[in-house]
Amino acid sequence: MKLIAGVFLLLASLSTVAATVKITSFKYVRNAGDSVHPLAELCGTVEGRTSAPSFVRVLVDKARNPAVYNTVADMDGSFCVAVITYRGSAEVTVFGENAGIEALAK
């Protein structure tokens, strides 16, 4: 009985320490006269991590022609990734954590 209660308390405490991800910058990088390849740099941070490294999934242009990019956050939780986006929108989640889609850029 004590073992079951201990496991329950452990699981409850782990779910309250879920990682969150936030986008800190989302900037377009375009060469002069290049409108065909709209390149953007997306940077952010992962906070409340339970273990390192944190794997980050970036979904761009979800509504039409979506693309997925993956990256790894540094030991301090920061990350940057270059993406191609035609709509200028992105959603960021953390792999394997109970974070949900918290970071959106439009």
Protein backbone atom coordinates (compact mmCIF):
# COMPACT_ATOMS: atom_id res chain seq x y z
CA MET A 1 0.00 0.00 0.00
CA LYS A 2 2.84 2.38 0.84
CA LEU A 3 4.48 1.56 -2.49
CA ILE A 4 1.35 2.46 -4.44
CA ALA A 5 0.98 5.73 -2.52
CA GLY A 6 4.66 6.56 -3.15
CA VAL A 7 4.38 5.90 -6.89
CA PHE A 8 1.24 8.05 -7.07
CA LEU A 9 2.95 10.96 -5.28
CA LEU A 10 6.00 10.65 -7.55
CA LEU A 11 3.87 10.75 -10.70
CA ALA A 12 1.88 13.71 -9.41
CA SER A 13 5.03 15.67 -8.64
CA LEU A 14 6.57 14.93 -12.06
CA SER A 15 3.51 16.19 -13.91
CA THR A 16 3.71 19.56 -12.15
CA VAL A 17 7.32 20.09 -13.32
CA ALA A 18 6.49 19.92 -17.02
CA ALA A 19 8.68 21.80 -19.46
CA THR A 20 7.42 24.92 -21.21
CA VAL A 21 8.80 26.41 -24.38
CA LYS A 22 8.76 30.07 -25.39
CA ILE A 23 9.69 31.78 -28.66
CA THR A 24 12.04 34.68 -27.98
CA SER A 25 12.57 35.85 -31.58
CA PHE A 26 11.19 35.13 -35.05
CA LYS A 27 12.98 37.14 -37.74
CA TYR A 28 12.89 36.95 -41.52
CA VAL A 29 16.23 36.79 -43.32
CA ARG A 30 15.94 37.68 -47.01
CA ASN A 31 18.51 38.39 -49.67
CA ALA A 32 17.88 41.40 -51.89
CA GLY A 33 15.37 40.43 -54.56
CA ASP A 34 14.83 36.87 -53.23
CA SER A 35 11.10 36.40 -52.61
CA VAL A 36 11.08 32.72 -53.54
CA HIS A 37 12.81 31.40 -50.42
CA PRO A 38 11.54 33.23 -47.33
CA LEU A 39 14.04 32.15 -44.69
CA ALA A 40 13.38 32.88 -41.02
CA GLU A 41 15.37 32.34 -37.85
CA LEU A 42 13.34 31.15 -34.86
CA CYS A 43 14.90 31.24 -31.39
CA GLY A 44 13.47 30.29 -28.03
CA THR A 45 13.99 28.81 -24.59
CA VAL A 46 12.86 25.66 -22.81
CA GLU A 47 12.09 26.25 -19.13
CA GLY A 48 11.30 23.78 -16.35
CA ARG A 49 13.19 20.92 -18.01
CA THR A 50 13.35 17.65 -16.13
CA SER A 51 16.40 16.39 -18.02
CA ALA A 52 18.87 17.54 -20.67
CA PRO A 53 18.96 17.59 -23.63
CA SER A 54 15.55 18.88 -24.63
CA PHE A 55 14.36 18.05 -28.13
CA VAL A 56 12.30 20.80 -29.76
CA ARG A 57 9.82 20.38 -32.64
CA VAL A 58 8.94 23.38 -34.80
CA LEU A 59 5.85 23.22 -37.04
CA VAL A 60 5.66 26.06 -39.60
CA ASP A 61 2.72 27.04 -41.79
CA LYS A 62 0.33 24.59 -40.13
CA ALA A 63 -2.76 25.74 -42.05
CA ARG A 64 -1.30 25.25 -45.53
CA ASN A 65 1.83 23.41 -46.69
CA PRO A 66 3.13 22.58 -43.20
CA ALA A 67 6.75 21.67 -42.54
CA VAL A 68 8.42 20.21 -39.44
CA TYR A 69 11.89 21.06 -38.14
CA ASN A 70 13.64 19.49 -35.16
CA THR A 71 16.44 20.88 -33.01
CA VAL A 72 18.07 20.37 -29.62
CA ALA A 73 18.15 22.98 -26.85
CA ASP A 74 21.47 23.85 -25.20
CA MET A 75 22.22 23.04 -21.58
CA ASP A 76 20.77 26.44 -20.59
CA GLY A 77 17.57 25.68 -22.55
CA SER A 78 18.13 28.03 -25.50
CA PHE A 79 17.75 27.04 -29.16
CA CYS A 80 17.74 28.58 -32.64
CA VAL A 81 16.73 27.04 -35.96
CA ALA A 82 16.47 28.33 -39.53
CA VAL A 83 13.13 27.56 -41.21
CA ILE A 84 11.43 28.21 -44.54
CA THR A 85 8.01 29.80 -44.02
CA TYR A 86 5.62 31.22 -46.58
CA ARG A 87 2.89 32.20 -44.09
CA GLY A 88 5.04 33.45 -41.21
CA SER A 89 3.55 31.19 -38.54
CA ALA A 90 5.16 28.62 -36.25
CA GLU A 91 4.26 26.36 -33.32
CA VAL A 92 6.91 24.99 -30.98
CA THR A 93 6.66 21.96 -28.68
CA VAL A 94 9.07 19.89 -26.59
CA PHE A 95 9.50 16.18 -27.34
CA GLY A 96 8.60 13.77 -24.56
CA GLU A 97 7.33 16.37 -22.14
CA ASN A 98 3.80 17.25 -21.09
CA ALA A 99 4.17 20.82 -22.37
CA GLY A 100 1.42 21.20 -24.95
CA ILE A 101 1.61 23.85 -27.67
CA GLU A 102 2.49 26.93 -25.69
CA ALA A 103 4.66 28.92 -28.06
CA LEU A 104 3.12 30.39 -31.18
CA ALA A 105 4.52 32.92 -33.64
CA LYS A 106 2.35 34.65 -36.23
